[in-house]
PDB file of N, CA and C in Angstrom:
ATOM      1  N   MET A   1     100.777 -62.414   9.231  1.00  0.00           N
ATOM      2  CA  MET A   1     100.263 -61.624   9.211  1.00  0.00           C
ATOM      3  C   MET A   1      98.773 -61.446  10.011  1.00  0.00           C
ATOM      4  N   LYS A   2      98.761 -60.203  10.297  1.00  0.00           N
ATOM      5  CA  LYS A   2      97.645 -59.738  11.088  1.00  0.00           C
ATOM      6  C   LYS A   2      96.329 -58.676  10.760  1.00  0.00           C
ATOM      7  N   VAL A   3      95.170 -59.223  11.001  1.00  0.00           N
ATOM      8  CA  VAL A   3      94.627 -58.441  10.571  1.00  0.00           C
ATOM      9  C   VAL A   3      93.239 -58.356  11.884  1.00  0.00           C
ATOM     10  N   LYS A   4      93.151 -57.340  12.086  1.00  0.00           N
ATOM     11  CA  LYS A   4      91.757 -56.591  12.899  1.00  0.00           C
ATOM     12  C   LYS A   4      90.468 -56.171  12.301  1.00  0.00           C
ATOM     13  N   MET A   5      89.622 -56.681  13.229  1.00  0.00           N
ATOM     14  CA  MET A   5      88.183 -56.660  12.366  1.00  0.00           C
ATOM     15  C   MET A   5      87.308 -57.089  13.516  1.00  0.00           C
ATOM     16  N   PHE A   6      86.107 -56.547  13.640  1.00  0.00           N
ATOM     17  CA  PHE A   6      85.163 -56.797  14.583  1.00  0.00           C
ATOM     18  C   PHE A   6      85.464 -57.260  16.122  1.00  0.00           C
ATOM     19  N   ASN A   7      86.247 -56.298  16.652  1.00  0.00           N
ATOM     20  CA  ASN A   7      87.237 -56.404  17.937  1.00  0.00           C
ATOM     21  C   ASN A   7      87.874 -57.908  18.331  1.00  0.00           C
ATOM     22  N   LYS A   8      88.463 -58.485  16.748  1.00  0.00           N
ATOM     23  CA  LYS A   8      89.083 -59.622  17.306  1.00  0.00           C
ATOM     24  C   LYS A   8      90.393 -59.458  15.922  1.00  0.00           C
ATOM     25  N   GLU A   9      91.949 -60.044  16.542  1.00  0.00           N
ATOM     26  CA  GLU A   9      92.703 -60.207  15.878  1.00  0.00           C
ATOM     27  C   GLU A   9      92.656 -61.771  15.152  1.00  0.00           C
ATOM     28  N   TRP A  10      92.820 -61.759  13.653  1.00  0.00           N
ATOM     29  CA  TRP A  10      93.065 -62.838  13.244  1.00  0.00           C
ATOM     30  C   TRP A  10      94.975 -62.695  12.829  1.00  0.00           C
ATOM     31  N   GLU A  11      95.301 -63.901  12.939  1.00  0.00           N
ATOM     32  CA  GLU A  11      96.530 -64.649  12.242  1.00  0.00           C
ATOM     33  C   GLU A  11      96.471 -64.872  10.944  1.00  0.00           C
ATOM     34  N   VAL A  12      96.999 -64.783   9.630  1.00  0.00           N
ATOM     35  CA  VAL A  12      96.556 -65.438   8.560  1.00  0.00           C
ATOM     36  C   VAL A  12      97.526 -65.742   8.044  1.00  0.00           C
ATOM     37  N   LYS A  13      97.984 -66.219   6.941  1.00  0.00           N
ATOM     38  CA  LYS A  13      99.073 -66.874   6.185  1.00  0.00           C
ATOM     39  C   LYS A  13      99.497 -65.707   5.192  1.00  0.00           C
ATOM     40  N   ASN A  14     100.843 -65.244   4.689  1.00  0.00           N
ATOM     41  CA  ASN A  14     100.904 -64.364   3.735  1.00  0.00           C
ATOM     42  C   ASN A  14     100.836 -65.383   2.339  1.00  0.00           C
ATOM     43  N   PRO A  15     100.561 -64.545   1.608  1.00  0.00           N
ATOM     44  CA  PRO A  15     100.237 -65.001   0.334  1.00  0.00           C
ATOM     45  C   PRO A  15     101.692 -65.159  -0.475  1.00  0.00           C
ATOM     46  N   THR A  16     101.995 -66.098  -1.570  1.00  0.00           N
ATOM     47  CA  THR A  16     103.572 -66.192  -2.097  1.00  0.00           C
ATOM     48  C   THR A  16     103.227 -65.422  -3.316  1.00  0.00           C
ATOM     49  N   TYR A  17     104.176 -65.018  -4.150  1.00  0.00           N
ATOM     50  CA  TYR A  17     103.812 -64.687  -5.260  1.00  0.00           C
ATOM     51  C   TYR A  17     103.142 -64.795  -6.227  1.00  0.00           C
ATOM     52  N   LYS A  18     103.140 -66.413  -6.192  1.00  0.00           N
ATOM     53  CA  LYS A  18     102.163 -66.910  -7.156  1.00  0.00           C
ATOM     54  C   LYS A  18     100.639 -66.708  -6.714  1.00  0.00           C
ATOM     55  N   GLU A  19     100.481 -66.798  -5.749  1.00  0.00           N
ATOM     56  CA  GLU A  19      98.913 -66.520  -5.319  1.00  0.00           C
ATOM     57  C   GLU A  19      98.149 -65.217  -5.277  1.00  0.00           C
ATOM     58  N   LYS A  20      99.696 -64.453  -5.150  1.00  0.00           N
ATOM     59  CA  LYS A  20      99.308 -62.758  -5.377  1.00  0.00           C
ATOM     60  C   LYS A  20      98.801 -62.723  -7.155  1.00  0.00           C
ATOM     61  N   ARG A  21      99.209 -63.457  -8.009  1.00  0.00           N
ATOM     62  CA  ARG A  21      98.979 -63.029  -9.252  1.00  0.00           C
ATOM     63  C   ARG A  21      97.841 -63.678  -9.454  1.00  0.00           C
ATOM     64  N   GLU A  22      97.378 -64.864  -8.689  1.00  0.00           N
ATOM     65  CA  GLU A  22      96.037 -65.321  -9.362  1.00  0.00           C
ATOM     66  C   GLU A  22      95.153 -64.824  -8.509  1.00  0.00           C
ATOM     67  N   LEU A  23      95.512 -64.204  -7.681  1.00  0.00           N
ATOM     68  CA  LEU A  23      94.115 -63.241  -6.657  1.00  0.00           C
ATOM     69  C   LEU A  23      93.969 -61.885  -7.930  1.00  0.00           C
ATOM     70  N   GLN A  24      94.781 -61.547  -8.331  1.00  0.00           N
ATOM     71  CA  GLN A  24      94.615 -60.195  -8.878  1.00  0.00           C
ATOM     72  C   GLN A  24      94.037 -60.740 -10.185  1.00  0.00           C
ATOM     73  N   LYS A  25      94.183 -61.924 -10.640  1.00  0.00           N
ATOM     74  CA  LYS A  25      93.808 -62.681 -11.791  1.00  0.00           C
ATOM     75  C   LYS A  25      92.459 -62.213 -11.564  1.00  0.00           C
ATOM     76  N   LEU A  26      91.778 -63.249 -10.562  1.00  0.00           N
ATOM     77  CA  LEU A  26      90.516 -63.599 -10.078  1.00  0.00           C
ATOM     78  C   LEU A  26      89.776 -62.114  -9.859  1.00  0.00           C
ATOM     79  N   ARG A  27      90.337 -61.060  -8.805  1.00  0.00           N
ATOM     80  CA  ARG A  27      89.941 -59.775  -8.919  1.00  0.00           C
ATOM     81  C   ARG A  27      89.505 -58.762 -10.181  1.00  0.00           C
ATOM     82  N   MET A  28      90.715 -58.808 -10.971  1.00  0.00           N
ATOM     83  CA  MET A  28      90.274 -57.986 -12.398  1.00  0.00           C
ATOM     84  C   MET A  28      89.143 -59.329 -13.099  1.00  0.00           C
ATOM     85  N   SER A  29      89.147 -60.542 -12.943  1.00  0.00           N
ATOM     86  CA  SER A  29      87.987 -60.587 -14.046  1.00  0.00           C
ATOM     87  C   SER A  29      86.429 -60.544 -13.548  1.00  0.00           C
ATOM     88  N   ALA A  30      86.518 -60.223 -12.217  1.00  0.00           N
ATOM     89  CA  ALA A  30      85.389 -59.993 -11.422  1.00  0.00           C
ATOM     90  C   ALA A  30      84.800 -58.935 -12.245  1.00  0.00           C
ATOM     91  N   ILE A  31      85.006 -57.928 -13.009  1.00  0.00           N
ATOM     92  CA  ILE A  31      84.858 -56.906 -13.660  1.00  0.00           C
ATOM     93  C   ILE A  31      84.830 -56.706 -14.968  1.00  0.00           C
ATOM     94  N   ASN A  32      83.551 -56.399 -15.853  1.00  0.00           N
ATOM     95  CA  ASN A  32      83.488 -56.507 -17.238  1.00  0.00           C
ATOM     96  C   ASN A  32      83.993 -55.703 -17.442  1.00  0.00           C
ATOM     97  N   THR A  33      84.073 -55.151 -19.067  1.00  0.00           N
ATOM     98  CA  THR A  33      84.728 -53.955 -19.555  1.00  0.00           C
ATOM     99  C   THR A  33      83.457 -52.599 -19.612  1.00  0.00           C
ATOM    100  N   GLU A  34      82.380 -53.228 -18.849  1.00  0.00           N
ATOM    101  CA  GLU A  34      81.577 -51.972 -18.851  1.00  0.00           C
ATOM    102  C   GLU A  34      81.546 -51.670 -17.177  1.00  0.00           C
ATOM    103  N   GLY A  35      82.044 -52.083 -16.426  1.00  0.00           N
ATOM    104  CA  GLY A  35      82.467 -51.667 -14.925  1.00  0.00           C
ATOM    105  C   GLY A  35      81.702 -52.459 -14.306  1.00  0.00           C
ATOM    106  N   LYS A  36      80.953 -53.233 -14.385  1.00  0.00           N
ATOM    107  CA  LYS A  36      80.215 -53.978 -13.795  1.00  0.00           C
ATOM    108  C   LYS A  36      80.395 -55.282 -13.202  1.00  0.00           C
ATOM    109  N   VAL A  37      80.146 -55.496 -12.063  1.00  0.00           N
ATOM    110  CA  VAL A  37      80.987 -56.579 -11.194  1.00  0.00           C
ATOM    111  C   VAL A  37      80.140 -57.890 -11.477  1.00  0.00           C
ATOM    112  N   ASP A  38      80.630 -58.481 -11.341  1.00  0.00           N
ATOM    113  CA  ASP A  38      80.232 -60.358 -11.856  1.00  0.00           C
ATOM    114  C   ASP A  38      80.139 -60.505 -10.333  1.00  0.00           C
ATOM    115  N   THR A  39      79.187 -61.309  -9.868  1.00  0.00           N
ATOM    116  CA  THR A  39      78.926 -61.558  -8.489  1.00  0.00           C
ATOM    117  C   THR A  39      79.710 -62.584  -8.145  1.00  0.00           C
ATOM    118  N   ASN A  40      79.382 -63.790  -9.296  1.00  0.00           N
ATOM    119  CA  ASN A  40      80.131 -65.256  -9.056  1.00  0.00           C
ATOM    120  C   ASN A  40      81.434 -65.487  -9.449  1.00  0.00           C
ATOM    121  N   LYS A  41      81.951 -64.401  -9.868  1.00  0.00           N
ATOM    122  CA  LYS A  41      83.369 -64.375 -10.003  1.00  0.00           C
ATOM    123  C   LYS A  41      84.112 -63.670  -8.815  1.00  0.00           C
ATOM    124  N   LEU A  42      83.574 -62.578  -8.145  1.00  0.00           N
ATOM    125  CA  LEU A  42      83.899 -61.730  -7.264  1.00  0.00           C
ATOM    126  C   LEU A  42      83.639 -63.234  -6.035  1.00  0.00           C
ATOM    127  N   TYR A  43      82.917 -63.969  -5.572  1.00  0.00           N
ATOM    128  CA  TYR A  43      83.141 -64.992  -5.076  1.00  0.00           C
ATOM    129  C   TYR A  43      83.749 -65.439  -4.938  1.00  0.00           C
ATOM    130  N   ASP A  44      84.121 -66.122  -6.151  1.00  0.00           N
ATOM    131  CA  ASP A  44      85.207 -67.042  -6.663  1.00  0.00           C
ATOM    132  C   ASP A  44      86.639 -66.620  -5.751  1.00  0.00           C
ATOM    133  N   CYS A  45      86.685 -65.347  -6.250  1.00  0.00           N
ATOM    134  CA  CYS A  45      88.216 -64.333  -5.678  1.00  0.00           C
ATOM    135  C   CYS A  45      88.119 -64.392  -3.902  1.00  0.00           C
ATOM    136  N   LEU A  46      86.986 -64.003  -3.218  1.00  0.00           N
ATOM    137  CA  LEU A  46      86.458 -64.313  -1.929  1.00  0.00           C
ATOM    138  C   LEU A  46      87.100 -65.488  -1.365  1.00  0.00           C
ATOM    139  N   ASP A  47      86.380 -66.492  -2.445  1.00  0.00           N
ATOM    140  CA  ASP A  47      87.048 -67.858  -1.606  1.00  0.00           C
ATOM    141  C   ASP A  47      88.247 -67.959  -1.829  1.00  0.00           C
ATOM    142  N   PHE A  48      89.114 -68.001  -2.853  1.00  0.00           N
ATOM    143  CA  PHE A  48      90.467 -67.900  -2.823  1.00  0.00           C
ATOM    144  C   PHE A  48      91.165 -67.278  -1.733  1.00  0.00           C
ATOM    145  N   VAL A  49      90.624 -66.129  -1.713  1.00  0.00           N
ATOM    146  CA  VAL A  49      91.338 -65.522  -0.435  1.00  0.00           C
ATOM    147  C   VAL A  49      91.223 -66.250   0.851  1.00  0.00           C
ATOM    148  N   GLU A  50      90.102 -66.710   1.076  1.00  0.00           N
ATOM    149  CA  GLU A  50      89.607 -67.685   2.312  1.00  0.00           C
ATOM    150  C   GLU A  50      90.956 -68.915   2.398  1.00  0.00           C
ATOM    151  N   LYS A  51      91.051 -69.477   0.927  1.00  0.00           N
ATOM    152  CA  LYS A  51      91.788 -70.774   0.923  1.00  0.00           C
ATOM    153  C   LYS A  51      93.101 -70.146   1.381  1.00  0.00           C
ATOM    154  N   ILE A  52      93.582 -68.801   0.739  1.00  0.00           N
ATOM    155  CA  ILE A  52      95.174 -68.762   0.404  1.00  0.00           C
ATOM    156  C   ILE A  52      95.439 -67.981   2.392  1.00  0.00           C
ATOM    157  N   SER A  53      94.516 -67.785   3.039  1.00  0.00           N
ATOM    158  CA  SER A  53      94.772 -66.941   4.229  1.00  0.00           C
ATOM    159  C   SER A  53      94.941 -68.037   5.342  1.00  0.00           C
ATOM    160  N   GLY A  54      94.403 -69.513   4.939  1.00  0.00           N
ATOM    161  CA  GLY A  54      94.507 -70.313   6.015  1.00  0.00           C
ATOM    162  C   GLY A  54      92.950 -70.222   6.933  1.00  0.00           C
ATOM    163  N   LEU A  55      92.176 -69.100   6.722  1.00  0.00           N
ATOM    164  CA  LEU A  55      91.015 -69.289   7.556  1.00  0.00           C
ATOM    165  C   LEU A  55      89.970 -70.275   7.394  1.00  0.00           C
ATOM    166  N   SER A  56      89.128 -70.539   8.070  1.00  0.00           N
ATOM    167  CA  SER A  56      87.780 -71.683   7.862  1.00  0.00           C
ATOM    168  C   SER A  56      86.707 -71.323   8.638  1.00  0.00           C
ATOM    169  N   GLU A  57      85.582 -72.015   8.772  1.00  0.00           N
ATOM    170  CA  GLU A  57      84.610 -71.916   9.239  1.00  0.00           C
ATOM    171  C   GLU A  57      84.703 -71.675  10.752  1.00  0.00           C
ATOM    172  N   ASN A  58      85.526 -72.314  11.579  1.00  0.00           N
ATOM    173  CA  ASN A  58      85.460 -72.302  12.873  1.00  0.00           C
ATOM    174  C   ASN A  58      86.535 -71.394  13.083  1.00  0.00           C
ATOM    175  N   ASP A  59      87.024 -70.225  12.638  1.00  0.00           N
ATOM    176  CA  ASP A  59      87.893 -69.117  12.627  1.00  0.00           C
ATOM    177  C   ASP A  59      86.618 -67.620  12.739  1.00  0.00           C
ATOM    178  N   TYR A  60      85.558 -68.040  12.493  1.00  0.00           N
ATOM    179  CA  TYR A  60      84.128 -66.994  12.211  1.00  0.00           C
ATOM    180  C   TYR A  60      83.997 -66.613  13.306  1.00  0.00           C
ATOM    181  N   ILE A  61      84.182 -66.635  14.565  1.00  0.00           N
ATOM    182  CA  ILE A  61      83.356 -66.670  15.733  1.00  0.00           C
ATOM    183  C   ILE A  61      84.324 -65.795  16.564  1.00  0.00           C
ATOM    184  N   VAL A  62      83.294 -64.288  17.039  1.00  0.00           N
ATOM    185  CA  VAL A  62      84.021 -63.435  17.652  1.00  0.00           C
ATOM    186  C   VAL A  62      82.900 -63.590  19.245  1.00  0.00           C
ATOM    187  N   LYS A  63      83.865 -63.711  20.516  1.00  0.00           N
ATOM    188  CA  LYS A  63      82.869 -63.576  21.633  1.00  0.00           C
ATOM    189  C   LYS A  63      81.939 -64.626  21.754  1.00  0.00           C
ATOM    190  N   ASP A  64      81.872 -65.960  21.524  1.00  0.00           N
ATOM    191  CA  ASP A  64      81.062 -67.101  21.287  1.00  0.00           C
ATOM    192  C   ASP A  64      80.280 -66.749  20.361  1.00  0.00           C
ATOM    193  N   LYS A  65      80.343 -66.016  19.616  1.00  0.00           N
ATOM    194  CA  LYS A  65      79.067 -65.922  18.677  1.00  0.00           C
ATOM    195  C   LYS A  65      79.571 -65.709  17.033  1.00  0.00           C
ATOM    196  N   PRO A  66      79.362 -66.456  16.023  1.00  0.00           N
ATOM    197  CA  PRO A  66      79.492 -66.803  14.589  1.00  0.00           C
ATOM    198  C   PRO A  66      79.309 -65.193  13.804  1.00  0.00           C
ATOM    199  N   LEU A  67      80.435 -65.009  13.204  1.00  0.00           N
ATOM    200  CA  LEU A  67      79.713 -63.982  12.150  1.00  0.00           C
ATOM    201  C   LEU A  67      78.851 -64.017  11.332  1.00  0.00           C
ATOM    202  N   THR A  68      77.859 -63.419  10.856  1.00  0.00           N
ATOM    203  CA  THR A  68      77.165 -63.191   9.964  1.00  0.00           C
ATOM    204  C   THR A  68      78.147 -63.522   8.351  1.00  0.00           C
ATOM    205  N   MET A  69      77.039 -63.788   7.539  1.00  0.00           N
ATOM    206  CA  MET A  69      77.581 -64.000   6.117  1.00  0.00           C
ATOM    207  C   MET A  69      78.340 -62.653   5.446  1.00  0.00           C
ATOM    208  N   GLY A  70      77.791 -61.599   5.954  1.00  0.00           N
ATOM    209  CA  GLY A  70      77.994 -60.425   5.120  1.00  0.00           C
ATOM    210  C   GLY A  70      79.358 -59.784   5.752  1.00  0.00           C
ATOM    211  N   GLU A  71      79.637 -60.360   7.326  1.00  0.00           N
ATOM    212  CA  GLU A  71      80.474 -59.911   8.267  1.00  0.00           C
ATOM    213  C   GLU A  71      81.714 -60.482   7.744  1.00  0.00           C
ATOM    214  N   ILE A  72      81.771 -62.038   7.068  1.00  0.00           N
ATOM    215  CA  ILE A  72      82.533 -62.869   6.858  1.00  0.00           C
ATOM    216  C   ILE A  72      82.983 -62.525   5.483  1.00  0.00           C
ATOM    217  N   ASP A  73      82.193 -62.031   4.871  1.00  0.00           N
ATOM    218  CA  ASP A  73      82.576 -61.340   3.200  1.00  0.00           C
ATOM    219  C   ASP A  73      83.780 -60.174   3.435  1.00  0.00           C
ATOM    220  N   SER A  74      83.367 -59.192   4.662  1.00  0.00           N
ATOM    221  CA  SER A  74      83.300 -58.025   4.696  1.00  0.00           C
ATOM    222  C   SER A  74      85.122 -57.980   5.240  1.00  0.00           C
ATOM    223  N   LEU A  75      85.204 -59.244   6.288  1.00  0.00           N
ATOM    224  CA  LEU A  75      86.750 -59.729   6.288  1.00  0.00           C
ATOM    225  C   LEU A  75      87.417 -60.064   5.388  1.00  0.00           C
ATOM    226  N   LEU A  76      87.157 -61.110   4.405  1.00  0.00           N
ATOM    227  CA  LEU A  76      87.703 -61.338   2.929  1.00  0.00           C
ATOM    228  C   LEU A  76      88.020 -60.256   2.370  1.00  0.00           C
ATOM    229  N   SER A  77      87.285 -59.114   2.095  1.00  0.00           N
ATOM    230  CA  SER A  77      87.267 -58.214   1.413  1.00  0.00           C
ATOM    231  C   SER A  77      88.613 -56.922   2.078  1.00  0.00           C
ATOM    232  N   LYS A  78      88.353 -57.184   2.929  1.00  0.00           N
ATOM    233  CA  LYS A  78      89.818 -56.647   3.648  1.00  0.00           C
ATOM    234  C   LYS A  78      91.069 -57.148   3.318  1.00  0.00           C
ATOM    235  N   LEU A  79      90.773 -58.870   3.947  1.00  0.00           N
ATOM    236  CA  LEU A  79      92.368 -59.447   3.314  1.00  0.00           C
ATOM    237  C   LEU A  79      92.724 -59.162   2.025  1.00  0.00           C
ATOM    238  N   LEU A  80      91.874 -59.119   1.117  1.00  0.00           N
ATOM    239  CA  LEU A  80      92.160 -58.796  -0.299  1.00  0.00           C
ATOM    240  C   LEU A  80      92.738 -57.904  -0.114  1.00  0.00           C
ATOM    241  N   THR A  81      92.129 -56.580  -0.170  1.00  0.00           N
ATOM    242  CA  THR A  81      92.559 -55.298   0.283  1.00  0.00           C
ATOM    243  C   THR A  81      94.512 -55.256   0.739  1.00  0.00           C
ATOM    244  N   GLU A  82      94.266 -56.130   1.602  1.00  0.00           N
ATOM    245  CA  GLU A  82      95.464 -56.200   2.236  1.00  0.00           C
ATOM    246  C   GLU A  82      97.079 -56.891   1.673  1.00  0.00           C
ATOM    247  N   PHE A  83      95.973 -57.936   0.870  1.00  0.00           N
ATOM    248  CA  PHE A  83      96.853 -59.068   0.382  1.00  0.00           C
ATOM    249  C   PHE A  83      97.345 -58.567  -1.390  1.00  0.00           C
ATOM    250  N   LEU A  84      96.442 -57.483  -1.981  1.00  0.00           N
ATOM    251  CA  LEU A  84      97.342 -56.888  -2.826  1.00  0.00           C
ATOM    252  C   LEU A  84      97.544 -55.360  -2.636  1.00  0.00           C
ATOM    253  N   ASP A  85      97.211 -54.926  -1.504  1.00  0.00           N
ATOM    254  CA  ASP A  85      97.752 -53.553  -1.257  1.00  0.00           C
ATOM    255  C   ASP A  85      97.147 -52.886  -2.304  1.00  0.00           C
ATOM    256  N   VAL A  86      96.111 -52.878  -1.872  1.00  0.00           N
ATOM    257  CA  VAL A  86      95.033 -51.899  -3.260  1.00  0.00           C
ATOM    258  C   VAL A  86      94.484 -50.836  -2.286  1.00  0.00           C
ATOM    259  N   SER A  87      95.062 -50.531  -0.995  1.00  0.00           N
ATOM    260  CA  SER A  87      93.889 -49.750  -0.361  1.00  0.00           C
ATOM    261  C   SER A  87      93.899 -48.093  -0.783  1.00  0.00           C
ATOM    262  N   LYS A  88      93.420 -47.158  -0.498  1.00  0.00           N
ATOM    263  CA  LYS A  88      93.281 -46.214  -1.444  1.00  0.00           C
ATOM    264  C   LYS A  88      94.640 -45.109  -0.779  1.00  0.00           C
ATOM    265  N   LYS A  89      95.000 -44.660  -1.501  1.00  0.00           N
ATOM    266  CA  LYS A  89      96.150 -43.756  -0.882  1.00  0.00           C
ATOM    267  C   LYS A  89      95.896 -42.339  -0.940  1.00  0.00           C
ATOM    268  N   ASP A  90      96.515 -41.793   0.191  1.00  0.00           N
ATOM    269  CA  ASP A  90      96.358 -40.513   0.570  1.00  0.00           C
ATOM    270  C   ASP A  90      96.775 -39.529  -0.378  1.00  0.00           C
TER     271      ASP A  90
END
Protein backbone atom coordinates (compact mmCIF):
# COMPACT_ATOMS: atom_id res chain seq x y z
CA MET A 1 0.00 0.00 0.00
CA LYS A 2 1.22 3.51 -0.74
CA VAL A 3 0.52 6.66 1.20
CA LYS A 4 1.37 10.21 0.11
CA MET A 5 2.06 13.01 2.54
CA PHE A 6 4.58 15.85 2.91
CA ASN A 7 5.59 15.62 -0.77
CA LYS A 8 6.72 12.02 -0.34
CA GLU A 9 5.26 8.62 -1.08
CA TRP A 10 5.78 5.82 1.43
CA GLU A 11 5.40 2.13 0.64
CA VAL A 12 3.95 0.43 3.72
CA LYS A 13 2.86 -3.09 4.53
CA ASN A 14 -0.81 -3.96 4.37
CA PRO A 15 -2.07 -5.11 7.77
CA THR A 16 -3.49 -8.58 8.18
CA TYR A 17 -7.02 -9.16 9.45
CA LYS A 18 -5.62 -10.00 12.90
CA GLU A 19 -3.54 -6.80 12.96
CA LYS A 20 -6.59 -4.75 11.95
CA ARG A 21 -8.63 -6.29 14.78
CA GLU A 22 -5.87 -5.47 17.29
CA LEU A 23 -5.60 -1.96 15.88
CA GLN A 24 -9.35 -1.43 16.18
CA LYS A 25 -9.24 -2.61 19.78
CA LEU A 26 -6.39 -0.20 20.58
CA ARG A 27 -8.18 2.68 18.85
CA MET A 28 -11.43 2.09 20.69
CA SER A 29 -9.69 1.70 24.06
CA ALA A 30 -8.10 5.15 23.60
CA ILE A 31 -11.51 6.79 24.04
CA ASN A 32 -13.27 6.49 27.38
CA THR A 33 -17.03 6.33 27.96
CA GLU A 34 -17.17 10.11 28.31
CA GLY A 35 -15.60 10.59 24.87
CA LYS A 36 -12.26 11.76 26.20
CA VAL A 37 -9.03 10.56 24.62
CA ASP A 38 -6.47 8.74 26.76
CA THR A 39 -3.25 10.13 25.26
CA ASN A 40 -1.10 7.21 26.40
CA LYS A 41 -3.44 4.70 24.78
CA LEU A 42 -3.61 6.80 21.62
CA TYR A 43 0.18 6.69 21.37
CA ASP A 44 0.10 2.93 21.97
CA CYS A 45 -2.21 2.78 18.96
CA LEU A 46 0.12 4.93 16.81
CA ASP A 47 3.10 2.82 17.89
CA PHE A 48 1.23 -0.27 16.71
CA VAL A 49 0.46 1.44 13.39
CA GLU A 50 4.17 2.13 12.99
CA LYS A 51 5.04 -1.49 13.79
CA ILE A 52 2.59 -3.08 11.35
CA SER A 53 3.34 -0.55 8.60
CA GLY A 54 7.02 -1.43 8.58
CA LEU A 55 8.04 2.21 8.95
CA SER A 56 10.95 3.16 11.17
CA GLU A 57 12.99 6.20 12.14
CA ASN A 58 15.00 6.05 8.92
CA ASP A 59 11.81 6.48 6.88
CA TYR A 60 10.88 9.81 8.43
CA ILE A 61 13.10 11.94 6.23
CA VAL A 62 11.80 14.16 3.44
CA LYS A 63 14.25 15.94 1.16
CA ASP A 64 17.13 15.27 3.58
CA LYS A 65 15.17 16.83 6.45
CA PRO A 66 13.72 14.74 9.30
CA LEU A 67 10.02 15.06 10.01
CA THR A 68 8.97 16.64 13.29
CA MET A 69 7.26 14.48 15.91
CA GLY A 70 3.97 16.19 15.03
CA GLU A 71 4.43 15.35 11.35
CA ILE A 72 5.23 11.73 12.22
CA ASP A 73 2.08 11.56 14.35
CA SER A 74 0.08 12.99 11.43
CA LEU A 75 1.50 10.38 9.07
CA LEU A 76 0.76 7.54 11.49
CA SER A 77 -2.76 8.91 12.06
CA LYS A 78 -3.34 8.94 8.32
CA LEU A 79 -2.18 5.33 8.14
CA LEU A 80 -4.54 4.43 11.00
CA THR A 81 -7.42 5.91 9.01
CA GLU A 82 -6.35 4.08 5.85
CA PHE A 83 -5.79 0.75 7.61
CA LEU A 84 -9.21 0.78 9.26
CA ASP A 85 -10.99 2.57 6.42
CA VAL A 86 -12.54 5.09 8.82
CA SER A 87 -12.25 8.12 6.54
CA LYS A 88 -15.23 10.43 6.38
CA LYS A 89 -17.80 9.39 3.79
CA ASP A 90 -19.59 11.95 1.66
